[in-house]
Amino acid sequence: MSFIRPELQTTLWRWREVIGAGLVAAIGLWWGLHSFGVVRYLGYALVVLAAAYAVAAVQRVRFHSAGQGPGVVQVDERRLSYFGPLTGGIIELGDLAKVALEPKSHPAPHWILTAHGGQEVAIPVNAAGAEALFDVFAALPGIQTERMLDVLSRTPDARVTVWEAPQRRLH
């Protein structure tokens, strides 16, 4: 039996990384203000590191969805798999050429991942396990995470390319 309402418990769990970063920053600030010597500087460094982690954690919360959509997303050893009721696919992360958001897909917007060979995998933004896509997208070279989150939050009228791989050249 829990003394916390389920909705509040879900919200706290979703924001757990941000709350943890805030607690670490508070400890660092305490050390910085009430200690001396090396511990004081360690405290201030801890505040800076916690602030940087909090920014990343807030981005992760903004990307997170309820996970009640169709299908399941799995990321295992640089291989992304989506198993859905009607579609699915597997794509190697090294072969990823383009990431786009298709807002007109039904029942929810879909991430469209395109490989260099032209293979496309469409993944609903609210599929179970879709939060793992944040780490996949954040690891892509040159991606603008804030732009990606902005596109996701405002749901545009047409397909928007969020990231494209740099052109491969022979010389």
N, C-alpha and C. Protein backbone atom coordinates (compact mmCIF):
# COMPACT_ATOMS: atom_id res chain seq x y z
N MET A 1 0.84 -1.18 0.00
CA MET A 1 0.00 0.00 0.00
C MET A 1 0.89 1.24 0.00
N SER A 2 0.59 2.15 -0.90
CA SER A 2 1.39 3.36 -1.03
C SER A 2 0.59 4.56 -0.53
N PHE A 3 1.32 5.49 0.08
CA PHE A 3 0.68 6.71 0.55
C PHE A 3 0.70 7.81 -0.50
N ILE A 4 1.29 7.51 -1.65
CA ILE A 4 1.38 8.48 -2.73
C ILE A 4 0.40 8.06 -3.83
N ARG A 5 -0.35 9.03 -4.35
CA ARG A 5 -1.27 8.74 -5.44
C ARG A 5 -0.50 8.21 -6.64
N PRO A 6 -1.08 7.30 -7.42
CA PRO A 6 -0.38 6.72 -8.57
C PRO A 6 0.06 7.76 -9.61
N GLU A 7 -0.75 8.81 -9.83
CA GLU A 7 -0.40 9.84 -10.80
C GLU A 7 0.85 10.59 -10.35
N LEU A 8 0.91 10.91 -9.06
CA LEU A 8 2.07 11.61 -8.51
C LEU A 8 3.30 10.71 -8.54
N GLN A 9 3.11 9.46 -8.24
CA GLN A 9 4.21 8.51 -8.26
C GLN A 9 4.78 8.38 -9.68
N THR A 10 3.91 8.36 -10.70
CA THR A 10 4.35 8.30 -12.09
C THR A 10 5.11 9.55 -12.47
N THR A 11 4.61 10.71 -12.05
CA THR A 11 5.28 11.97 -12.36
C THR A 11 6.64 12.05 -11.69
N LEU A 12 6.71 11.67 -10.43
CA LEU A 12 7.99 11.68 -9.72
C LEU A 12 8.99 10.72 -10.38
N TRP A 13 8.53 9.57 -10.81
CA TRP A 13 9.41 8.60 -11.46
C TRP A 13 9.93 9.15 -12.79
N ARG A 14 9.07 9.86 -13.51
CA ARG A 14 9.47 10.45 -14.79
C ARG A 14 10.53 11.53 -14.61
N TRP A 15 10.42 12.29 -13.53
CA TRP A 15 11.34 13.40 -13.26
C TRP A 15 12.46 12.99 -12.31
N ARG A 16 12.68 11.71 -12.07
CA ARG A 16 13.64 11.25 -11.07
C ARG A 16 15.06 11.72 -11.35
N GLU A 17 15.48 11.76 -12.60
CA GLU A 17 16.85 12.18 -12.90
C GLU A 17 17.04 13.66 -12.62
N VAL A 18 16.03 14.46 -12.91
CA VAL A 18 16.12 15.90 -12.64
C VAL A 18 16.14 16.14 -11.13
N ILE A 19 15.31 15.42 -10.41
CA ILE A 19 15.28 15.55 -8.94
C ILE A 19 16.62 15.12 -8.35
N GLY A 20 17.16 14.03 -8.84
CA GLY A 20 18.47 13.57 -8.37
C GLY A 20 19.57 14.59 -8.65
N ALA A 21 19.54 15.20 -9.83
CA ALA A 21 20.54 16.23 -10.16
C ALA A 21 20.38 17.43 -9.23
N GLY A 22 19.15 17.77 -8.89
CA GLY A 22 18.92 18.88 -7.96
C GLY A 22 19.46 18.57 -6.57
N LEU A 23 19.28 17.34 -6.12
CA LEU A 23 19.82 16.95 -4.81
C LEU A 23 21.35 16.96 -4.80
N VAL A 24 21.96 16.49 -5.87
CA VAL A 24 23.42 16.51 -5.95
C VAL A 24 23.92 17.95 -5.99
N ALA A 25 23.22 18.82 -6.72
CA ALA A 25 23.60 20.23 -6.76
C ALA A 25 23.46 20.88 -5.38
N ALA A 26 22.43 20.51 -4.64
CA ALA A 26 22.25 21.05 -3.29
C ALA A 26 23.38 20.62 -2.36
N ILE A 27 23.80 19.36 -2.47
CA ILE A 27 24.93 18.88 -1.66
C ILE A 27 26.21 19.63 -2.05
N GLY A 28 26.42 19.80 -3.35
CA GLY A 28 27.60 20.53 -3.81
C GLY A 28 27.60 21.97 -3.35
N LEU A 29 26.43 22.59 -3.38
CA LEU A 29 26.33 23.98 -2.91
C LEU A 29 26.58 24.05 -1.41
N TRP A 30 26.09 23.10 -0.67
CA TRP A 30 26.35 23.06 0.77
C TRP A 30 27.84 22.95 1.06
N TRP A 31 28.50 22.04 0.33
CA TRP A 31 29.95 21.90 0.50
C TRP A 31 30.67 23.19 0.12
N GLY A 32 30.22 23.81 -0.96
CA GLY A 32 30.88 25.02 -1.43
C GLY A 32 30.75 26.19 -0.47
N LEU A 33 29.62 26.28 0.18
CA LEU A 33 29.37 27.42 1.07
C LEU A 33 29.84 27.18 2.51
N HIS A 34 29.89 25.92 2.95
CA HIS A 34 30.16 25.64 4.35
C HIS A 34 31.47 24.90 4.60
N SER A 35 32.25 24.66 3.56
CA SER A 35 33.51 23.95 3.74
C SER A 35 34.67 24.89 3.41
N PHE A 36 35.85 24.34 3.48
CA PHE A 36 37.03 25.12 3.14
C PHE A 36 38.03 24.23 2.43
N GLY A 37 38.99 24.83 1.79
CA GLY A 37 40.02 24.08 1.10
C GLY A 37 39.51 23.40 -0.16
N VAL A 38 40.01 22.20 -0.38
CA VAL A 38 39.69 21.44 -1.58
C VAL A 38 38.21 21.05 -1.64
N VAL A 39 37.62 20.77 -0.51
CA VAL A 39 36.22 20.35 -0.49
C VAL A 39 35.31 21.46 -1.02
N ARG A 40 35.66 22.71 -0.74
CA ARG A 40 34.87 23.84 -1.25
C ARG A 40 34.87 23.82 -2.78
N TYR A 41 36.04 23.63 -3.38
CA TYR A 41 36.12 23.62 -4.84
C TYR A 41 35.46 22.38 -5.44
N LEU A 42 35.55 21.27 -4.75
CA LEU A 42 34.83 20.08 -5.19
C LEU A 42 33.31 20.30 -5.15
N GLY A 43 32.85 21.00 -4.14
CA GLY A 43 31.42 21.31 -4.04
C GLY A 43 30.94 22.14 -5.22
N TYR A 44 31.72 23.18 -5.56
CA TYR A 44 31.33 24.02 -6.70
C TYR A 44 31.40 23.25 -8.01
N ALA A 45 32.39 22.38 -8.14
CA ALA A 45 32.48 21.54 -9.34
C ALA A 45 31.28 20.59 -9.42
N LEU A 46 30.86 20.09 -8.29
CA LEU A 46 29.70 19.20 -8.24
C LEU A 46 28.43 19.94 -8.68
N VAL A 47 28.31 21.20 -8.30
CA VAL A 47 27.16 22.01 -8.72
C VAL A 47 27.14 22.16 -10.24
N VAL A 48 28.30 22.44 -10.82
CA VAL A 48 28.38 22.62 -12.28
C VAL A 48 28.03 21.31 -13.00
N LEU A 49 28.59 20.20 -12.53
CA LEU A 49 28.29 18.90 -13.15
C LEU A 49 26.81 18.53 -13.00
N ALA A 50 26.25 18.80 -11.85
CA ALA A 50 24.83 18.49 -11.63
C ALA A 50 23.94 19.35 -12.52
N ALA A 51 24.32 20.60 -12.73
CA ALA A 51 23.54 21.47 -13.61
C ALA A 51 23.58 20.96 -15.05
N ALA A 52 24.75 20.53 -15.50
CA ALA A 52 24.86 19.99 -16.86
C ALA A 52 24.02 18.71 -17.00
N TYR A 53 24.05 17.87 -16.00
CA TYR A 53 23.25 16.64 -16.04
C TYR A 53 21.75 16.96 -15.98
N ALA A 54 21.39 17.98 -15.23
CA ALA A 54 19.98 18.37 -15.14
C ALA A 54 19.45 18.83 -16.49
N VAL A 55 20.27 19.55 -17.26
CA VAL A 55 19.85 19.99 -18.59
C VAL A 55 19.57 18.78 -19.47
N ALA A 56 20.47 17.80 -19.45
CA ALA A 56 20.27 16.58 -20.24
C ALA A 56 19.05 15.80 -19.75
N ALA A 57 18.84 15.78 -18.45
CA ALA A 57 17.69 15.05 -17.89
C ALA A 57 16.37 15.71 -18.28
N VAL A 58 16.34 17.04 -18.31
CA VAL A 58 15.12 17.74 -18.73
C VAL A 58 14.82 17.43 -20.19
N GLN A 59 15.85 17.38 -21.04
CA GLN A 59 15.65 17.01 -22.44
C GLN A 59 15.08 15.60 -22.55
N ARG A 60 15.58 14.69 -21.75
CA ARG A 60 15.09 13.32 -21.77
C ARG A 60 13.61 13.27 -21.35
N VAL A 61 13.22 14.08 -20.36
CA VAL A 61 11.82 14.12 -19.92
C VAL A 61 10.94 14.68 -21.02
N ARG A 62 11.43 15.70 -21.72
CA ARG A 62 10.65 16.28 -22.82
C ARG A 62 10.44 15.28 -23.95
N PHE A 63 11.39 14.38 -24.16
CA PHE A 63 11.29 13.39 -25.23
C PHE A 63 10.37 12.23 -24.85
N HIS A 64 10.28 11.96 -23.58
CA HIS A 64 9.54 10.79 -23.07
C HIS A 64 8.06 10.86 -23.43
N SER A 65 7.50 9.71 -23.80
CA SER A 65 6.06 9.62 -24.04
C SER A 65 5.48 8.57 -23.11
N ALA A 66 4.18 8.42 -23.16
CA ALA A 66 3.50 7.52 -22.24
C ALA A 66 3.82 6.05 -22.51
N GLY A 67 4.23 5.72 -23.72
CA GLY A 67 4.54 4.33 -24.04
C GLY A 67 3.32 3.45 -24.20
N GLN A 68 2.19 4.06 -24.53
CA GLN A 68 0.95 3.30 -24.69
C GLN A 68 0.60 3.05 -26.16
N GLY A 69 1.51 3.41 -27.06
CA GLY A 69 1.26 3.23 -28.48
C GLY A 69 1.51 1.81 -28.94
N PRO A 70 1.26 1.57 -30.22
CA PRO A 70 1.43 0.22 -30.75
C PRO A 70 2.90 -0.14 -30.94
N GLY A 71 3.25 -1.36 -30.63
CA GLY A 71 4.58 -1.88 -30.89
C GLY A 71 5.57 -1.69 -29.76
N VAL A 72 6.75 -2.29 -29.98
CA VAL A 72 7.82 -2.27 -28.98
C VAL A 72 9.13 -1.92 -29.68
N VAL A 73 9.89 -1.02 -29.05
CA VAL A 73 11.21 -0.62 -29.57
C VAL A 73 12.27 -1.25 -28.68
N GLN A 74 13.30 -1.81 -29.32
CA GLN A 74 14.44 -2.37 -28.59
C GLN A 74 15.72 -1.88 -29.24
N VAL A 75 16.69 -1.53 -28.41
CA VAL A 75 18.02 -1.17 -28.90
C VAL A 75 18.99 -2.13 -28.23
N ASP A 76 19.71 -2.88 -29.06
CA ASP A 76 20.64 -3.88 -28.53
C ASP A 76 21.88 -3.92 -29.41
N GLU A 77 23.02 -3.57 -28.84
CA GLU A 77 24.31 -3.61 -29.52
C GLU A 77 24.26 -2.93 -30.88
N ARG A 78 23.89 -1.65 -30.90
CA ARG A 78 23.85 -0.81 -32.09
C ARG A 78 22.89 -1.34 -33.15
N ARG A 79 21.89 -2.06 -32.73
CA ARG A 79 20.83 -2.53 -33.63
C ARG A 79 19.50 -2.11 -33.04
N LEU A 80 18.75 -1.35 -33.82
CA LEU A 80 17.45 -0.87 -33.38
C LEU A 80 16.37 -1.73 -34.02
N SER A 81 15.48 -2.25 -33.18
CA SER A 81 14.40 -3.11 -33.66
C SER A 81 13.07 -2.51 -33.26
N TYR A 82 12.12 -2.56 -34.19
CA TYR A 82 10.75 -2.16 -33.87
C TYR A 82 9.83 -3.29 -34.30
N PHE A 83 9.03 -3.76 -33.35
CA PHE A 83 8.07 -4.82 -33.62
C PHE A 83 6.68 -4.26 -33.37
N GLY A 84 5.94 -4.05 -34.45
CA GLY A 84 4.61 -3.47 -34.34
C GLY A 84 3.54 -4.43 -34.80
N PRO A 85 2.28 -4.06 -34.60
CA PRO A 85 1.20 -4.95 -35.00
C PRO A 85 1.04 -5.06 -36.52
N LEU A 86 1.40 -4.00 -37.26
CA LEU A 86 1.26 -4.02 -38.71
C LEU A 86 2.60 -3.93 -39.44
N THR A 87 3.55 -3.22 -38.86
CA THR A 87 4.86 -3.06 -39.49
C THR A 87 5.95 -3.35 -38.47
N GLY A 88 7.15 -3.26 -38.92
CA GLY A 88 8.29 -3.47 -38.04
C GLY A 88 9.55 -3.44 -38.86
N GLY A 89 10.65 -3.60 -38.20
CA GLY A 89 11.91 -3.62 -38.93
C GLY A 89 13.09 -3.54 -37.99
N ILE A 90 14.25 -3.81 -38.57
CA ILE A 90 15.51 -3.75 -37.84
C ILE A 90 16.45 -2.89 -38.66
N ILE A 91 17.13 -1.99 -37.98
CA ILE A 91 18.07 -1.11 -38.67
C ILE A 91 19.34 -1.00 -37.85
N GLU A 92 20.48 -1.12 -38.51
CA GLU A 92 21.77 -0.96 -37.85
C GLU A 92 22.02 0.53 -37.67
N LEU A 93 22.47 0.93 -36.50
CA LEU A 93 22.66 2.35 -36.24
C LEU A 93 23.78 2.94 -37.09
N GLY A 94 24.76 2.13 -37.47
CA GLY A 94 25.82 2.61 -38.34
C GLY A 94 25.34 2.89 -39.75
N ASP A 95 24.23 2.28 -40.17
CA ASP A 95 23.67 2.47 -41.51
C ASP A 95 22.64 3.59 -41.56
N LEU A 96 22.37 4.23 -40.44
CA LEU A 96 21.34 5.26 -40.38
C LEU A 96 21.75 6.46 -41.22
N ALA A 97 20.88 6.86 -42.15
CA ALA A 97 21.17 7.98 -43.05
C ALA A 97 20.31 9.20 -42.75
N LYS A 98 19.07 8.98 -42.26
CA LYS A 98 18.18 10.11 -42.05
C LYS A 98 17.17 9.78 -40.96
N VAL A 99 16.84 10.79 -40.16
CA VAL A 99 15.78 10.70 -39.14
C VAL A 99 14.79 11.80 -39.43
N ALA A 100 13.52 11.43 -39.56
CA ALA A 100 12.47 12.41 -39.83
C ALA A 100 11.28 12.13 -38.93
N LEU A 101 10.46 13.16 -38.74
CA LEU A 101 9.21 13.01 -37.99
C LEU A 101 8.05 13.18 -38.95
N GLU A 102 7.20 12.17 -39.01
CA GLU A 102 6.00 12.20 -39.86
C GLU A 102 4.79 12.43 -38.96
N PRO A 103 4.26 13.66 -38.93
CA PRO A 103 3.17 13.98 -38.01
C PRO A 103 1.80 13.45 -38.43
N LYS A 104 1.62 13.12 -39.70
CA LYS A 104 0.30 12.72 -40.19
C LYS A 104 0.03 11.22 -40.07
N SER A 105 0.96 10.48 -39.51
CA SER A 105 0.75 9.03 -39.34
C SER A 105 -0.36 8.79 -38.32
N HIS A 106 -1.02 7.66 -38.48
CA HIS A 106 -2.13 7.34 -37.58
C HIS A 106 -1.74 6.14 -36.73
N PRO A 107 -2.00 6.07 -35.49
CA PRO A 107 -2.77 6.95 -34.61
C PRO A 107 -1.92 8.05 -33.96
N ALA A 108 -0.61 7.99 -34.11
CA ALA A 108 0.27 9.00 -33.51
C ALA A 108 1.38 9.31 -34.51
N PRO A 109 2.06 10.44 -34.33
CA PRO A 109 3.20 10.73 -35.20
C PRO A 109 4.24 9.62 -35.13
N HIS A 110 5.00 9.45 -36.21
CA HIS A 110 6.00 8.39 -36.30
C HIS A 110 7.38 8.99 -36.58
N TRP A 111 8.40 8.35 -36.00
CA TRP A 111 9.77 8.63 -36.40
C TRP A 111 10.03 7.76 -37.63
N ILE A 112 10.56 8.36 -38.69
CA ILE A 112 10.91 7.61 -39.89
C ILE A 112 12.43 7.54 -39.95
N LEU A 113 12.97 6.35 -39.76
CA LEU A 113 14.42 6.13 -39.79
C LEU A 113 14.76 5.50 -41.14
N THR A 114 15.69 6.13 -41.87
CA THR A 114 16.05 5.66 -43.19
C THR A 114 17.52 5.23 -43.19
N ALA A 115 17.78 4.05 -43.73
CA ALA A 115 19.15 3.53 -43.83
C ALA A 115 19.77 3.99 -45.15
N HIS A 116 21.08 3.83 -45.28
CA HIS A 116 21.77 4.22 -46.51
C HIS A 116 21.26 3.46 -47.72
N GLY A 117 20.79 2.24 -47.55
CA GLY A 117 20.26 1.46 -48.65
C GLY A 117 18.84 1.82 -49.04
N GLY A 118 18.19 2.71 -48.30
CA GLY A 118 16.82 3.12 -48.60
C GLY A 118 15.77 2.47 -47.73
N GLN A 119 16.14 1.49 -46.90
CA GLN A 119 15.19 0.83 -46.01
C GLN A 119 14.66 1.86 -45.00
N GLU A 120 13.35 1.85 -44.80
CA GLU A 120 12.72 2.74 -43.81
C GLU A 120 12.06 1.94 -42.72
N VAL A 121 12.19 2.44 -41.49
CA VAL A 121 11.49 1.87 -40.35
C VAL A 121 10.69 3.00 -39.72
N ALA A 122 9.38 2.82 -39.62
CA ALA A 122 8.50 3.83 -39.03
C ALA A 122 8.15 3.40 -37.61
N ILE A 123 8.46 4.28 -36.64
CA ILE A 123 8.24 3.95 -35.23
C ILE A 123 7.34 5.01 -34.60
N PRO A 124 6.20 4.63 -34.04
CA PRO A 124 5.36 5.61 -33.36
C PRO A 124 6.11 6.26 -32.19
N VAL A 125 5.89 7.56 -32.00
CA VAL A 125 6.60 8.26 -30.93
C VAL A 125 6.17 7.76 -29.55
N ASN A 126 5.01 7.13 -29.47
CA ASN A 126 4.52 6.65 -28.18
C ASN A 126 4.57 5.13 -28.04
N ALA A 127 5.40 4.47 -28.86
CA ALA A 127 5.55 3.01 -28.74
C ALA A 127 6.25 2.67 -27.43
N ALA A 128 6.00 1.48 -26.94
CA ALA A 128 6.66 1.03 -25.71
C ALA A 128 8.17 0.95 -25.97
N GLY A 129 8.95 1.55 -25.10
CA GLY A 129 10.40 1.55 -25.24
C GLY A 129 10.94 2.64 -26.14
N ALA A 130 10.08 3.53 -26.64
CA ALA A 130 10.53 4.59 -27.54
C ALA A 130 11.45 5.60 -26.86
N GLU A 131 11.46 5.62 -25.53
CA GLU A 131 12.37 6.55 -24.84
C GLU A 131 13.83 6.19 -25.10
N ALA A 132 14.11 4.95 -25.50
CA ALA A 132 15.49 4.55 -25.84
C ALA A 132 15.97 5.26 -27.09
N LEU A 133 15.05 5.77 -27.91
CA LEU A 133 15.44 6.48 -29.12
C LEU A 133 16.15 7.79 -28.80
N PHE A 134 15.89 8.37 -27.64
CA PHE A 134 16.56 9.62 -27.28
C PHE A 134 18.08 9.41 -27.24
N ASP A 135 18.52 8.34 -26.61
CA ASP A 135 19.95 8.06 -26.54
C ASP A 135 20.52 7.76 -27.92
N VAL A 136 19.75 7.06 -28.75
CA VAL A 136 20.19 6.77 -30.12
C VAL A 136 20.35 8.06 -30.90
N PHE A 137 19.34 8.94 -30.82
CA PHE A 137 19.39 10.19 -31.56
C PHE A 137 20.48 11.12 -31.02
N ALA A 138 20.65 11.16 -29.71
CA ALA A 138 21.66 12.05 -29.11
C ALA A 138 23.07 11.64 -29.52
N ALA A 139 23.28 10.38 -29.86
CA ALA A 139 24.61 9.91 -30.25
C ALA A 139 24.92 10.17 -31.72
N LEU A 140 23.95 10.63 -32.49
CA LEU A 140 24.18 10.89 -33.91
C LEU A 140 25.07 12.13 -34.07
N PRO A 141 26.06 12.06 -34.95
CA PRO A 141 26.98 13.19 -35.09
C PRO A 141 26.29 14.41 -35.70
N GLY A 142 26.38 15.54 -35.01
CA GLY A 142 25.85 16.79 -35.52
C GLY A 142 24.37 17.02 -35.29
N ILE A 143 23.69 16.16 -34.57
CA ILE A 143 22.26 16.37 -34.33
C ILE A 143 22.06 17.53 -33.36
N GLN A 144 21.02 18.30 -33.61
CA GLN A 144 20.66 19.40 -32.72
C GLN A 144 19.49 18.92 -31.86
N THR A 145 19.81 18.52 -30.65
CA THR A 145 18.82 17.91 -29.76
C THR A 145 17.67 18.86 -29.46
N GLU A 146 17.97 20.11 -29.23
CA GLU A 146 16.91 21.08 -28.90
C GLU A 146 15.96 21.27 -30.08
N ARG A 147 16.49 21.27 -31.30
CA ARG A 147 15.63 21.38 -32.49
C ARG A 147 14.73 20.15 -32.61
N MET A 148 15.30 18.96 -32.34
CA MET A 148 14.52 17.73 -32.40
C MET A 148 13.37 17.78 -31.40
N LEU A 149 13.64 18.23 -30.18
CA LEU A 149 12.60 18.32 -29.16
C LEU A 149 11.55 19.36 -29.52
N ASP A 150 11.98 20.45 -30.17
CA ASP A 150 11.04 21.48 -30.60
C ASP A 150 10.10 20.94 -31.67
N VAL A 151 10.64 20.21 -32.63
CA VAL A 151 9.81 19.61 -33.68
C VAL A 151 8.82 18.61 -33.07
N LEU A 152 9.28 17.84 -32.12
CA LEU A 152 8.42 16.84 -31.47
C LEU A 152 7.30 17.51 -30.67
N SER A 153 7.58 18.63 -30.02
CA SER A 153 6.57 19.26 -29.17
C SER A 153 5.54 20.05 -29.96
N ARG A 154 5.92 20.62 -31.10
CA ARG A 154 4.95 21.44 -31.84
C ARG A 154 4.22 20.67 -32.92
N THR A 155 4.60 19.47 -33.25
CA THR A 155 3.97 18.59 -34.24
C THR A 155 3.63 19.37 -35.52
N PRO A 156 4.56 19.47 -36.45
CA PRO A 156 4.37 20.24 -37.68
C PRO A 156 3.32 19.62 -38.61
N ASP A 157 3.04 20.31 -39.71
CA ASP A 157 2.02 19.87 -40.66
C ASP A 157 2.54 18.84 -41.66
N ALA A 158 3.82 18.86 -41.93
CA ALA A 158 4.40 17.95 -42.92
C ALA A 158 5.64 17.27 -42.34
N ARG A 159 6.14 16.27 -43.06
CA ARG A 159 7.32 15.54 -42.60
C ARG A 159 8.51 16.50 -42.47
N VAL A 160 9.20 16.37 -41.34
CA VAL A 160 10.36 17.23 -41.06
C VAL A 160 11.58 16.34 -40.85
N THR A 161 12.65 16.64 -41.58
CA THR A 161 13.91 15.92 -41.38
C THR A 161 14.62 16.53 -40.19
N VAL A 162 14.89 15.70 -39.20
CA VAL A 162 15.53 16.15 -37.97
C VAL A 162 17.05 16.02 -38.07
N TRP A 163 17.51 14.97 -38.75
CA TRP A 163 18.95 14.73 -38.88
C TRP A 163 19.21 14.00 -40.17
N GLU A 164 20.33 14.34 -40.79
CA GLU A 164 20.78 13.64 -41.98
C GLU A 164 22.27 13.37 -41.85
N ALA A 165 22.68 12.18 -42.23
CA ALA A 165 24.10 11.81 -42.11
C ALA A 165 24.93 12.66 -43.06
N PRO A 166 26.15 12.98 -42.65
CA PRO A 166 27.05 13.69 -43.58
C PRO A 166 27.29 12.86 -44.83
N GLN A 167 27.46 13.55 -45.94
CA GLN A 167 27.70 12.85 -47.21
C GLN A 167 29.01 12.09 -47.15
N ARG A 168 28.99 10.86 -47.60
CA ARG A 168 30.21 10.06 -47.67
C ARG A 168 30.90 10.35 -49.00
N ARG A 169 32.19 10.67 -48.94
CA ARG A 169 32.93 11.00 -50.15
C ARG A 169 34.12 10.06 -50.29
N LEU A 170 34.46 9.77 -51.51
CA LEU A 170 35.61 8.90 -51.75
C LEU A 170 36.92 9.65 -51.63
N HIS A 171 36.92 10.92 -51.97
CA HIS A 171 38.17 11.70 -51.88
C HIS A 171 37.88 13.12 -51.54
